[in-house]
Each structure stands twice: as structure tokens, then as C-alpha cells.
């Protein structure tokens, strides 16, 4: 009996211990307290790390992007950032030295624009125009060489060419023939004039611009020949010119204009020996172009000659 009572008492004690709320609360409270202590310790360690990071950022402003850059790492990044800046002026100076100093305008433009644009301005101001000019010279030379060959093959010896001072771009052209039924042809026979001498100078952009053509001798009257030997023909103006026109075609048109305009050789005493002037011819041609652009042009066709 006593043994049974002791067993019952032990069972009750066990149940009371397992079902007591205070017992469970103490266990939970202990866990929460340990977790709180761990949280406080982590917060303290995190705050300490943030303080260290702020101090390092103040000491190394250039390394703000790194969380904790060391001394060697910060210097390496700073050197890497400065390297392209140092290389740009050096590359610009080398390119400028290779391209040449250029003219005063190019150097002034480069100084205002900075190292990079200065090199581009120098290259664009000296190399590109030089290449373009060389191309235009080649086109003009090839065209004029072909013109000379075609004139040399003419069977009727209508015109002949002599180069002035061996220059391919300055020609003296002899017009040997005009309409044999014209008064001008009779004047040539009576004065023993074998040809009418003209001068043609070809601009840099020929054949896309017309040559400047003027009469040298003999001194002519009428026939669309004006003061200084200037010639009044629309096809000799920029607006009337075509790159398809050849020197031979221009001379044939001029011969027709002489006949159509009743051109004559001047025989007046004193005036007939006065030579034409290039300066006077240029001024006269400039004036007549302005006049005809205002009032229009009339150029006789070749068939009228």
C-alpha cells in the first residue's frame, strides 16, 4: 500500500512539472533572451564596421566606390583613371606633329577647340583640300591632253595650239579659217592675216567651269568682240557652260559668231596697232555677264555661220 501511494505521488509530481506554464515560460524566455543578446551583439559589431567604413572613405575620397579599399588598391585605381587622361594629350600631340603645323587659321582653330579637335581641324584644313586639289589637277590635265590630241588629228587644220611657257593650262589658239563668203575672210586676205590669235586659260576646276577666252590679234571690230578682246558668248559663262564642250566646239562657235556679228579687222590709223589688254578684257567680260544675266542672251547657232 505504501508502495502504491509513493508511485501515485511520483506520477502527480511529474504531471505538475510538465504542465506548469511557468516552466515553459522560463524555457521560452531564456531562448528569447539569448536571441536578444545575439541581436544586440550583431548590431554593435555592424555599427562598428560602418564607422570604420566612414573613416576610410574620409581618408580616401577617390575610392568611394569600394567598400574597404586598401592603400595599394586605392592607388592602383587612381592611376588607372589618370592613365587615359595622360595618354590623350600625348596622342593628340603626336598626331599634330605627323600632320604638320598647318596655317595660322588652323592653329587658332585648334587652340580654341582643344587638343582633340585641334588635330582634326589641322588635318581637315591641310590634308583634305590638298587631296581635292590634286584630284582636280589630274582631271584637268587628262582632259586637256585629250583635247590636244584631238586637235592635232583635225584634217581641215581649222585651229592649231601653242602652249604659253610650256604650260598645259595656258593656250594660244590660232583660228585659221572663217566662212570664206564673209567680209571678215576678205579682210584677212587683203591684210595678209593668216589667222586670228586667241588666248585660253583653264581654271582649276576645268572642265566643270569654262575657260577664259579673249582675242589677242588682230584688233577686231564688231563680231561680238568687245574692249580688251573680250568675247560676248553665253557658253563662256558659268551658267551657259557645259563640261561636254570641247575647245574645238567652242572655237567653231566663236567663228560663227564673228561672221554673224559682221566682224571686221580694224584698219583705222593708230587704233589698229593697239594691242588688247587682259585686264581690260576681264573687266569688260565681267560687266557684260552682269548685263546679259539681267536682260538675257542671244548666241547665234553654228548653222548661221
C-alpha atoms as a PDB file:
ATOM      1  CA  UNK A   1       0.000   0.000   0.000  1.00  0.00           C
ATOM      2  CA  UNK A   2       2.748   2.352   0.907  1.00  0.00           C
ATOM      3  CA  UNK A   3       4.498   1.461  -2.259  1.00  0.00           C
ATOM      4  CA  UNK A   4       1.374   2.293  -4.293  1.00  0.00           C
ATOM      5  CA  UNK A   5       0.996   5.671  -2.612  1.00  0.00           C
ATOM      6  CA  UNK A   6       4.599   6.545  -3.426  1.00  0.00           C
ATOM      7  CA  UNK A   7       4.062   5.707  -7.094  1.00  0.00           C
ATOM      8  CA  UNK A   8       0.930   7.862  -7.231  1.00  0.00           C
ATOM      9  CA  UNK A   9       2.837  10.780  -5.644  1.00  0.00           C
ATOM     10  CA  UNK A  10       5.668  10.488  -8.129  1.00  0.00           C
ATOM     11  CA  UNK A  11       3.230  10.480 -11.049  1.00  0.00           C
ATOM     12  CA  UNK A  12       1.496  13.669  -9.777  1.00  0.00           C
ATOM     13  CA  UNK A  13       4.821  15.394  -9.329  1.00  0.00           C
ATOM     14  CA  UNK A  14       5.795  14.528 -12.891  1.00  0.00           C
ATOM     15  CA  UNK A  15       2.496  15.800 -14.319  1.00  0.00           C
ATOM     16  CA  UNK A  16       2.757  19.034 -12.364  1.00  0.00           C
ATOM     17  CA  UNK A  17       6.245  19.704 -13.678  1.00  0.00           C
ATOM     18  CA  UNK A  18       5.323  19.025 -17.278  1.00  0.00           C
ATOM     19  CA  UNK A  19       2.086  21.047 -17.279  1.00  0.00           C
ATOM     20  CA  UNK A  20       3.299  24.084 -15.282  1.00  0.00           C
ATOM     21  CA  UNK A  21       3.148  27.251 -17.515  1.00  0.00           C
ATOM     22  CA  UNK A  22       5.934  28.853 -15.599  1.00  0.00           C
ATOM     23  CA  UNK A  23       8.197  26.019 -16.533  1.00  0.00           C
ATOM     24  CA  UNK A  24       7.570  26.554 -20.260  1.00  0.00           C
ATOM     25  CA  UNK A  25       7.761  30.353 -19.933  1.00  0.00           C
ATOM     26  CA  UNK A  26      11.120  30.124 -18.345  1.00  0.00           C
ATOM     27  CA  UNK A  27      12.406  27.999 -21.201  1.00  0.00           C
ATOM     28  CA  UNK A  28      10.955  30.366 -23.873  1.00  0.00           C
ATOM     29  CA  UNK A  29      12.156  33.436 -22.036  1.00  0.00           C
ATOM     30  CA  UNK A  30      15.632  32.048 -21.886  1.00  0.00           C
ATOM     31  CA  UNK A  31      15.658  31.461 -25.660  1.00  0.00           C
ATOM     32  CA  UNK A  32      14.343  34.913 -26.379  1.00  0.00           C
ATOM     33  CA  UNK A  33      16.842  36.473 -24.047  1.00  0.00           C
ATOM     34  CA  UNK A  34      19.716  34.656 -25.739  1.00  0.00           C
ATOM     35  CA  UNK A  35      18.399  35.729 -29.174  1.00  0.00           C
ATOM     36  CA  UNK A  36      18.123  39.345 -27.957  1.00  0.00           C
ATOM     37  CA  UNK A  37      21.643  39.229 -26.669  1.00  0.00           C
ATOM     38  CA  UNK A  38      22.854  37.873 -30.007  1.00  0.00           C
ATOM     39  CA  UNK A  39      20.939  40.686 -31.861  1.00  0.00           C
ATOM     40  CA  UNK A  40      22.466  43.370 -29.670  1.00  0.00           C
ATOM     41  CA  UNK A  41      25.903  41.938 -30.229  1.00  0.00           C
ATOM     42  CA  UNK A  42      25.389  41.872 -34.024  1.00  0.00           C
ATOM     43  CA  UNK A  43      24.099  45.451 -34.041  1.00  0.00           C
ATOM     44  CA  UNK A  44      27.127  46.610 -32.098  1.00  0.00           C
ATOM     45  CA  UNK A  45      29.514  44.821 -34.452  1.00  0.00           C
ATOM     46  CA  UNK A  46      27.616  46.193 -37.533  1.00  0.00           C
ATOM     47  CA  UNK A  47      27.755  49.767 -36.205  1.00  0.00           C
ATOM     48  CA  UNK A  48      31.460  49.378 -35.583  1.00  0.00           C
ATOM     49  CA  UNK A  49      32.031  48.236 -39.182  1.00  0.00           C
ATOM     50  CA  UNK A  50      30.023  51.169 -40.598  1.00  0.00           C
ATOM     51  CA  UNK A  51      32.060  53.586 -38.526  1.00  0.00           C
ATOM     52  CA  UNK A  52      35.274  52.055 -39.890  1.00  0.00           C
ATOM     53  CA  UNK A  53      33.975  52.382 -43.472  1.00  0.00           C
ATOM     54  CA  UNK A  54      33.103  56.080 -42.993  1.00  0.00           C
ATOM     55  CA  UNK A  55      36.566  56.773 -41.623  1.00  0.00           C
ATOM     56  CA  UNK A  56      38.222  55.019 -44.583  1.00  0.00           C
ATOM     57  CA  UNK A  57      36.054  56.934 -47.105  1.00  0.00           C
ATOM     58  CA  UNK A  58      37.073  60.234 -45.492  1.00  0.00           C
ATOM     59  CA  UNK A  59      40.733  59.250 -45.711  1.00  0.00           C
ATOM     60  CA  UNK A  60      40.411  58.030 -49.372  1.00  0.00           C
ATOM     61  CA  UNK A  61      37.763  60.156 -51.247  1.00  0.00           C
ATOM     62  CA  UNK A  62      38.690  58.675 -54.645  1.00  0.00           C
ATOM     63  CA  UNK A  63      37.801  55.139 -53.505  1.00  0.00           C
ATOM     64  CA  UNK A  64      34.176  55.819 -52.552  1.00  0.00           C
ATOM     65  CA  UNK A  65      33.016  53.046 -54.852  1.00  0.00           C
ATOM     66  CA  UNK A  66      34.954  50.342 -52.878  1.00  0.00           C
ATOM     67  CA  UNK A  67      33.586  49.095 -49.552  1.00  0.00           C
ATOM     68  CA  UNK A  68      37.026  48.757 -47.959  1.00  0.00           C
ATOM     69  CA  UNK A  69      39.847  49.691 -50.371  1.00  0.00           C
ATOM     70  CA  UNK A  70      43.294  49.109 -49.078  1.00  0.00           C
ATOM     71  CA  UNK A  71      46.182  51.534 -49.630  1.00  0.00           C
ATOM     72  CA  UNK A  72      47.580  49.655 -52.618  1.00  0.00           C
ATOM     73  CA  UNK A  73      44.201  49.079 -54.213  1.00  0.00           C
ATOM     74  CA  UNK A  74      43.168  52.763 -53.996  1.00  0.00           C
ATOM     75  CA  UNK A  75      46.432  53.945 -55.592  1.00  0.00           C
ATOM     76  CA  UNK A  76      46.098  51.427 -58.429  1.00  0.00           C
ATOM     77  CA  UNK A  77      42.576  52.563 -59.259  1.00  0.00           C
ATOM     78  CA  UNK A  78      43.600  56.233 -59.153  1.00  0.00           C
ATOM     79  CA  UNK A  79      46.498  55.544 -61.535  1.00  0.00           C
ATOM     80  CA  UNK A  80      44.192  53.645 -63.894  1.00  0.00           C
ATOM     81  CA  UNK A  81      41.824  56.627 -64.018  1.00  0.00           C
ATOM     82  CA  UNK A  82      44.620  59.114 -64.731  1.00  0.00           C
ATOM     83  CA  UNK A  83      46.302  56.991 -67.424  1.00  0.00           C
ATOM     84  CA  UNK A  84      43.761  57.674 -70.252  1.00  0.00           C
ATOM     85  CA  UNK A  85      43.816  61.382 -69.444  1.00  0.00           C
ATOM     86  CA  UNK A  86      47.590  61.461 -69.765  1.00  0.00           C
ATOM     87  CA  UNK A  87      47.569  59.458 -72.998  1.00  0.00           C
ATOM     88  CA  UNK A  88      45.017  61.689 -74.809  1.00  0.00           C
ATOM     89  CA  UNK A  89      47.196  64.856 -74.955  1.00  0.00           C
ATOM     90  CA  UNK A  90      50.221  62.783 -75.908  1.00  0.00           C
ATOM     91  CA  UNK A  91      48.331  61.111 -78.768  1.00  0.00           C
ATOM     92  CA  UNK A  92      46.982  64.466 -79.915  1.00  0.00           C
ATOM     93  CA  UNK A  93      50.453  65.994 -79.908  1.00  0.00           C
ATOM     94  CA  UNK A  94      51.862  63.071 -81.886  1.00  0.00           C
ATOM     95  CA  UNK A  95      49.066  63.299 -84.472  1.00  0.00           C
ATOM     96  CA  UNK A  96      49.554  67.045 -84.790  1.00  0.00           C
ATOM     97  CA  UNK A  97      53.274  66.583 -85.351  1.00  0.00           C
ATOM     98  CA  UNK A  98      52.614  63.961 -88.021  1.00  0.00           C
ATOM     99  CA  UNK A  99      50.009  66.067 -89.824  1.00  0.00           C
ATOM    100  CA  UNK A 100      52.111  69.261 -89.782  1.00  0.00           C
ATOM    101  CA  UNK A 101      51.734  72.575 -88.075  1.00  0.00           C
ATOM    102  CA  UNK A 102      49.209  73.963 -90.609  1.00  0.00           C
ATOM    103  CA  UNK A 103      48.470  77.623 -91.215  1.00  0.00           C
ATOM    104  CA  UNK A 104      47.665  80.331 -88.658  1.00  0.00           C
ATOM    105  CA  UNK A 105      43.943  79.832 -89.086  1.00  0.00           C
ATOM    106  CA  UNK A 106      44.206  76.110 -88.433  1.00  0.00           C
ATOM    107  CA  UNK A 107      46.377  76.647 -85.325  1.00  0.00           C
ATOM    108  CA  UNK A 108      43.989  79.273 -83.972  1.00  0.00           C
ATOM    109  CA  UNK A 109      41.011  76.996 -84.542  1.00  0.00           C
ATOM    110  CA  UNK A 110      42.831  74.130 -82.830  1.00  0.00           C
ATOM    111  CA  UNK A 111      43.730  76.262 -79.811  1.00  0.00           C
ATOM    112  CA  UNK A 112      40.106  77.229 -79.317  1.00  0.00           C
ATOM    113  CA  UNK A 113      38.780  73.707 -79.805  1.00  0.00           C
ATOM    114  CA  UNK A 114      41.218  71.807 -77.548  1.00  0.00           C
ATOM    115  CA  UNK A 115      43.766  69.050 -78.196  1.00  0.00           C
ATOM    116  CA  UNK A 116      41.471  66.531 -79.907  1.00  0.00           C
ATOM    117  CA  UNK A 117      39.529  68.904 -82.202  1.00  0.00           C
ATOM    118  CA  UNK A 118      42.732  70.808 -82.925  1.00  0.00           C
ATOM    119  CA  UNK A 119      44.251  67.774 -84.594  1.00  0.00           C
ATOM    120  CA  UNK A 120      41.061  67.164 -86.602  1.00  0.00           C
ATOM    121  CA  UNK A 121      40.936  70.802 -87.663  1.00  0.00           C
ATOM    122  CA  UNK A 122      44.566  70.720 -88.728  1.00  0.00           C
ATOM    123  CA  UNK A 123      44.027  67.562 -90.746  1.00  0.00           C
ATOM    124  CA  UNK A 124      40.822  68.869 -92.331  1.00  0.00           C
ATOM    125  CA  UNK A 125      42.405  72.233 -93.078  1.00  0.00           C
ATOM    126  CA  UNK A 126      45.523  70.941 -94.845  1.00  0.00           C
ATOM    127  CA  UNK A 127      45.200  67.336 -95.992  1.00  0.00           C
ATOM    128  CA  UNK A 128      41.658  67.235 -97.391  1.00  0.00           C
ATOM    129  CA  UNK A 129      41.873  70.371 -99.596  1.00  0.00           C
ATOM    130  CA  UNK A 130      45.299  69.268-100.825  1.00  0.00           C
ATOM    131  CA  UNK A 131      43.915  65.893-101.903  1.00  0.00           C
ATOM    132  CA  UNK A 132      40.939  67.556-103.570  1.00  0.00           C
ATOM    133  CA  UNK A 133      43.180  69.992-105.422  1.00  0.00           C
ATOM    134  CA  UNK A 134      45.396  67.152-106.589  1.00  0.00           C
ATOM    135  CA  UNK A 135      42.350  65.289-107.921  1.00  0.00           C
ATOM    136  CA  UNK A 136      41.105  68.384-109.799  1.00  0.00           C
ATOM    137  CA  UNK A 137      44.558  68.891-111.323  1.00  0.00           C
ATOM    138  CA  UNK A 138      44.606  65.297-112.556  1.00  0.00           C
ATOM    139  CA  UNK A 139      41.132  65.604-114.119  1.00  0.00           C
ATOM    140  CA  UNK A 140      42.029  68.887-115.814  1.00  0.00           C
ATOM    141  CA  UNK A 141      45.350  67.553-117.115  1.00  0.00           C
ATOM    142  CA  UNK A 142      43.833  64.375-118.585  1.00  0.00           C
ATOM    143  CA  UNK A 143      41.067  66.342-120.280  1.00  0.00           C
ATOM    144  CA  UNK A 144      43.427  68.910-121.823  1.00  0.00           C
ATOM    145  CA  UNK A 145      45.853  66.237-123.048  1.00  0.00           C
ATOM    146  CA  UNK A 146      42.972  64.548-124.826  1.00  0.00           C
ATOM    147  CA  UNK A 147      41.892  67.898-126.282  1.00  0.00           C
ATOM    148  CA  UNK A 148      45.390  68.494-127.685  1.00  0.00           C
ATOM    149  CA  UNK A 149      45.465  65.066-129.274  1.00  0.00           C
ATOM    150  CA  UNK A 150      42.044  65.576-130.893  1.00  0.00           C
ATOM    151  CA  UNK A 151      43.042  68.984-132.276  1.00  0.00           C
ATOM    152  CA  UNK A 152      46.269  67.568-133.700  1.00  0.00           C
ATOM    153  CA  UNK A 153      44.233  64.989-135.629  1.00  0.00           C
ATOM    154  CA  UNK A 154      41.964  67.580-137.303  1.00  0.00           C
ATOM    155  CA  UNK A 155      42.075  67.095-141.048  1.00  0.00           C
ATOM    156  CA  UNK A 156      40.962  70.601-142.055  1.00  0.00           C
ATOM    157  CA  UNK A 157      43.540  72.402-139.892  1.00  0.00           C
ATOM    158  CA  UNK A 158      40.763  74.568-138.561  1.00  0.00           C
ATOM    159  CA  UNK A 159      42.757  75.570-135.478  1.00  0.00           C
ATOM    160  CA  UNK A 160      46.233  74.970-134.022  1.00  0.00           C
ATOM    161  CA  UNK A 161      47.504  75.292-130.447  1.00  0.00           C
ATOM    162  CA  UNK A 162      50.702  76.566-128.827  1.00  0.00           C
ATOM    163  CA  UNK A 163      51.334  76.260-125.090  1.00  0.00           C
ATOM    164  CA  UNK A 164      52.264  79.509-123.331  1.00  0.00           C
ATOM    165  CA  UNK A 165      55.560  78.970-121.450  1.00  0.00           C
ATOM    166  CA  UNK A 166      55.042  75.214-121.785  1.00  0.00           C
ATOM    167  CA  UNK A 167      52.004  75.416-119.520  1.00  0.00           C
ATOM    168  CA  UNK A 168      49.274  72.900-120.209  1.00  0.00           C
ATOM    169  CA  UNK A 169      46.721  75.286-118.717  1.00  0.00           C
ATOM    170  CA  UNK A 170      47.508  78.362-120.834  1.00  0.00           C
ATOM    171  CA  UNK A 171      46.955  78.104-124.618  1.00  0.00           C
ATOM    172  CA  UNK A 172      47.394  80.364-127.590  1.00  0.00           C
ATOM    173  CA  UNK A 173      44.965  79.153-130.237  1.00  0.00           C
ATOM    174  CA  UNK A 174      45.207  80.139-133.890  1.00  0.00           C
ATOM    175  CA  UNK A 175      41.940  80.292-135.807  1.00  0.00           C
ATOM    176  CA  UNK A 176      42.935  79.698-139.438  1.00  0.00           C
ATOM    177  CA  UNK A 177      39.540  79.661-141.091  1.00  0.00           C
ATOM    178  CA  UNK A 178      36.254  81.527-141.086  1.00  0.00           C
ATOM    179  CA  UNK A 179      33.432  81.495-143.586  1.00  0.00           C
ATOM    180  CA  UNK A 180      35.049  82.213-146.958  1.00  0.00           C
ATOM    181  CA  UNK A 181      31.990  84.151-148.113  1.00  0.00           C
ATOM    182  CA  UNK A 182      32.208  86.599-145.207  1.00  0.00           C
ATOM    183  CA  UNK A 183      33.673  90.099-145.226  1.00  0.00           C
ATOM    184  CA  UNK A 184      35.991  89.044-142.437  1.00  0.00           C
ATOM    185  CA  UNK A 185      37.615  86.462-144.668  1.00  0.00           C
ATOM    186  CA  UNK A 186      38.110  89.130-147.321  1.00  0.00           C
ATOM    187  CA  UNK A 187      39.710  91.403-144.730  1.00  0.00           C
ATOM    188  CA  UNK A 188      42.102  88.607-143.750  1.00  0.00           C
ATOM    189  CA  UNK A 189      43.111  88.114-147.388  1.00  0.00           C
ATOM    190  CA  UNK A 190      43.601  91.816-148.020  1.00  0.00           C
ATOM    191  CA  UNK A 191      45.678  92.367-144.872  1.00  0.00           C
ATOM    192  CA  UNK A 192      47.647  89.114-145.232  1.00  0.00           C
ATOM    193  CA  UNK A 193      46.307  87.924-141.876  1.00  0.00           C
ATOM    194  CA  UNK A 194      46.870  84.155-141.729  1.00  0.00           C
ATOM    195  CA  UNK A 195      44.984  83.556-138.506  1.00  0.00           C
ATOM    196  CA  UNK A 196      43.139  85.152-135.616  1.00  0.00           C
ATOM    197  CA  UNK A 197      45.056  84.590-132.386  1.00  0.00           C
ATOM    198  CA  UNK A 198      43.202  83.909-129.158  1.00  0.00           C
ATOM    199  CA  UNK A 199      44.285  83.074-125.608  1.00  0.00           C
ATOM    200  CA  UNK A 200      42.558  80.468-123.441  1.00  0.00           C
ATOM    201  CA  UNK A 201      43.336  79.974-119.751  1.00  0.00           C
ATOM    202  CA  UNK A 202      41.796  76.992-117.976  1.00  0.00           C
ATOM    203  CA  UNK A 203      40.701  77.270-114.312  1.00  0.00           C
ATOM    204  CA  UNK A 204      41.489  74.690-111.642  1.00  0.00           C
ATOM    205  CA  UNK A 205      38.037  73.091-111.880  1.00  0.00           C
ATOM    206  CA  UNK A 206      38.008  72.761-115.684  1.00  0.00           C
ATOM    207  CA  UNK A 207      36.122  71.109-117.442  1.00  0.00           C
ATOM    208  CA  UNK A 208      33.389  71.912-114.927  1.00  0.00           C
ATOM    209  CA  UNK A 209      33.992  75.649-115.358  1.00  0.00           C
ATOM    210  CA  UNK A 210      34.602  77.439-118.665  1.00  0.00           C
ATOM    211  CA  UNK A 211      37.996  78.751-119.814  1.00  0.00           C
ATOM    212  CA  UNK A 212      38.582  82.472-120.067  1.00  0.00           C
ATOM    213  CA  UNK A 213      38.960  83.276-123.760  1.00  0.00           C
ATOM    214  CA  UNK A 214      39.942  86.548-125.393  1.00  0.00           C
ATOM    215  CA  UNK A 215      41.233  87.795-128.768  1.00  0.00           C
ATOM    216  CA  UNK A 216      44.904  88.813-128.939  1.00  0.00           C
ATOM    217  CA  UNK A 217      45.311  89.847-132.572  1.00  0.00           C
ATOM    218  CA  UNK A 218      44.413  91.309-134.992  1.00  0.00           C
ATOM    219  CA  UNK A 219      42.291  94.048-133.472  1.00  0.00           C
ATOM    220  CA  UNK A 220      38.698  93.274-134.413  1.00  0.00           C
ATOM    221  CA  UNK A 221      35.574  95.368-134.550  1.00  0.00           C
ATOM    222  CA  UNK A 222      32.039  94.041-134.041  1.00  0.00           C
ATOM    223  CA  UNK A 223      31.556  90.263-134.293  1.00  0.00           C
ATOM    224  CA  UNK A 224      30.748  90.152-130.537  1.00  0.00           C
ATOM    225  CA  UNK A 225      34.353  91.100-129.738  1.00  0.00           C
ATOM    226  CA  UNK A 226      34.438  93.886-127.134  1.00  0.00           C
ATOM    227  CA  UNK A 227      37.029  96.061-125.416  1.00  0.00           C
ATOM    228  CA  UNK A 228      40.221  94.283-124.469  1.00  0.00           C
ATOM    229  CA  UNK A 229      39.359  91.385-126.787  1.00  0.00           C
ATOM    230  CA  UNK A 230      36.585  90.068-124.538  1.00  0.00           C
ATOM    231  CA  UNK A 231      34.100  87.792-126.282  1.00  0.00           C
ATOM    232  CA  UNK A 232      30.350  88.024-125.754  1.00  0.00           C
ATOM    233  CA  UNK A 233      29.237  84.362-125.749  1.00  0.00           C
ATOM    234  CA  UNK A 234      26.919  82.741-123.235  1.00  0.00           C
ATOM    235  CA  UNK A 235      28.678  79.381-123.376  1.00  0.00           C
ATOM    236  CA  UNK A 236      31.804  81.034-121.930  1.00  0.00           C
ATOM    237  CA  UNK A 237      29.910  81.917-118.740  1.00  0.00           C
ATOM    238  CA  UNK A 238      29.379  79.592-115.760  1.00  0.00           C
ATOM    239  CA  UNK A 239      25.640  79.448-116.436  1.00  0.00           C
ATOM    240  CA  UNK A 240      25.984  78.665-120.134  1.00  0.00           C
ATOM    241  CA  UNK A 241      28.943  76.316-119.890  1.00  0.00           C
ATOM    242  CA  UNK A 242      28.791  72.516-120.077  1.00  0.00           C
ATOM    243  CA  UNK A 243      31.617  70.111-119.320  1.00  0.00           C
ATOM    244  CA  UNK A 244      30.767  68.360-122.598  1.00  0.00           C
ATOM    245  CA  UNK A 245      32.017  71.344-124.639  1.00  0.00           C
ATOM    246  CA  UNK A 246      35.414  70.859-126.270  1.00  0.00           C
ATOM    247  CA  UNK A 247      37.902  73.522-127.277  1.00  0.00           C
ATOM    248  CA  UNK A 248      37.246  72.724-130.933  1.00  0.00           C
ATOM    249  CA  UNK A 249      33.485  73.159-130.486  1.00  0.00           C
ATOM    250  CA  UNK A 250      33.998  76.474-128.670  1.00  0.00           C
ATOM    251  CA  UNK A 251      36.260  77.766-131.464  1.00  0.00           C
ATOM    252  CA  UNK A 252      33.780  76.793-134.149  1.00  0.00           C
ATOM    253  CA  UNK A 253      31.041  78.620-132.252  1.00  0.00           C
ATOM    254  CA  UNK A 254      33.298  81.669-131.985  1.00  0.00           C
ATOM    255  CA  UNK A 255      33.988  81.622-135.738  1.00  0.00           C
ATOM    256  CA  UNK A 256      30.246  81.543-136.395  1.00  0.00           C
ATOM    257  CA  UNK A 257      29.705  84.467-134.005  1.00  0.00           C
ATOM    258  CA  UNK A 258      32.323  86.561-135.804  1.00  0.00           C
ATOM    259  CA  UNK A 259      30.538  86.127-139.114  1.00  0.00           C
ATOM    260  CA  UNK A 260      27.060  86.565-137.630  1.00  0.00           C
ATOM    261  CA  UNK A 261      28.088  89.790-135.894  1.00  0.00           C
ATOM    262  CA  UNK A 262      29.721  91.260-139.012  1.00  0.00           C
ATOM    263  CA  UNK A 263      33.197  91.170-137.543  1.00  0.00           C
ATOM    264  CA  UNK A 264      35.882  93.154-139.347  1.00  0.00           C
ATOM    265  CA  UNK A 265      39.605  93.761-138.980  1.00  0.00           C
ATOM    266  CA  UNK A 266      40.205  97.281-137.709  1.00  0.00           C
ATOM    267  CA  UNK A 267      42.104  99.386-140.223  1.00  0.00           C
ATOM    268  CA  UNK A 268      41.898 102.776-138.561  1.00  0.00           C
ATOM    269  CA  UNK A 269      45.232 104.546-138.245  1.00  0.00           C
ATOM    270  CA  UNK A 270      46.755 104.187-134.792  1.00  0.00           C
ATOM    271  CA  UNK A 271      43.902 102.129-133.361  1.00  0.00           C
ATOM    272  CA  UNK A 272      44.656  99.048-135.445  1.00  0.00           C
ATOM    273  CA  UNK A 273      48.119  98.683-133.876  1.00  0.00           C
ATOM    274  CA  UNK A 274      46.922  98.994-130.298  1.00  0.00           C
ATOM    275  CA  UNK A 275      47.049  95.573-128.655  1.00  0.00           C
ATOM    276  CA  UNK A 276      44.297  94.151-126.479  1.00  0.00           C
ATOM    277  CA  UNK A 277      44.803  94.062-122.701  1.00  0.00           C
ATOM    278  CA  UNK A 278      43.943  91.081-120.487  1.00  0.00           C
ATOM    279  CA  UNK A 279      42.967  93.317-117.582  1.00  0.00           C
ATOM    280  CA  UNK A 280      40.617  95.281-119.809  1.00  0.00           C
ATOM    281  CA  UNK A 281      39.195  92.075-121.257  1.00  0.00           C
ATOM    282  CA  UNK A 282      38.440  90.648-117.801  1.00  0.00           C
ATOM    283  CA  UNK A 283      36.701  93.843-116.678  1.00  0.00           C
ATOM    284  CA  UNK A 284      34.651  94.003-119.882  1.00  0.00           C
ATOM    285  CA  UNK A 285      33.636  90.344-119.681  1.00  0.00           C
ATOM    286  CA  UNK A 286      32.539  90.710-116.049  1.00  0.00           C
ATOM    287  CA  UNK A 287      30.406  93.704-116.970  1.00  0.00           C
ATOM    288  CA  UNK A 288      28.743  92.070-119.976  1.00  0.00           C
ATOM    289  CA  UNK A 289      27.914  88.946-117.962  1.00  0.00           C
ATOM    290  CA  UNK A 290      26.014  91.055-115.440  1.00  0.00           C
ATOM    291  CA  UNK A 291      24.168  92.847-118.244  1.00  0.00           C
ATOM    292  CA  UNK A 292      23.137  89.667-120.066  1.00  0.00           C
ATOM    293  CA  UNK A 293      22.100  87.894-116.879  1.00  0.00           C
ATOM    294  CA  UNK A 294      19.648  90.744-116.421  1.00  0.00           C
ATOM    295  CA  UNK A 295      18.354  91.012-119.997  1.00  0.00           C
ATOM    296  CA  UNK A 296      19.078  87.566-121.454  1.00  0.00           C
ATOM    297  CA  UNK A 297      21.470  86.113-124.015  1.00  0.00           C
ATOM    298  CA  UNK A 298      21.419  85.737-127.781  1.00  0.00           C
ATOM    299  CA  UNK A 299      24.019  83.363-129.220  1.00  0.00           C
ATOM    300  CA  UNK A 300      23.942  82.553-132.939  1.00  0.00           C
ATOM    301  CA  UNK A 301      23.925  78.867-133.821  1.00  0.00           C
ATOM    302  CA  UNK A 302      26.783  77.321-135.814  1.00  0.00           C
ATOM    303  CA  UNK A 303      24.465  76.829-138.815  1.00  0.00           C
ATOM    304  CA  UNK A 304      24.137  80.606-139.155  1.00  0.00           C
ATOM    305  CA  UNK A 305      27.869  80.934-139.801  1.00  0.00           C
END
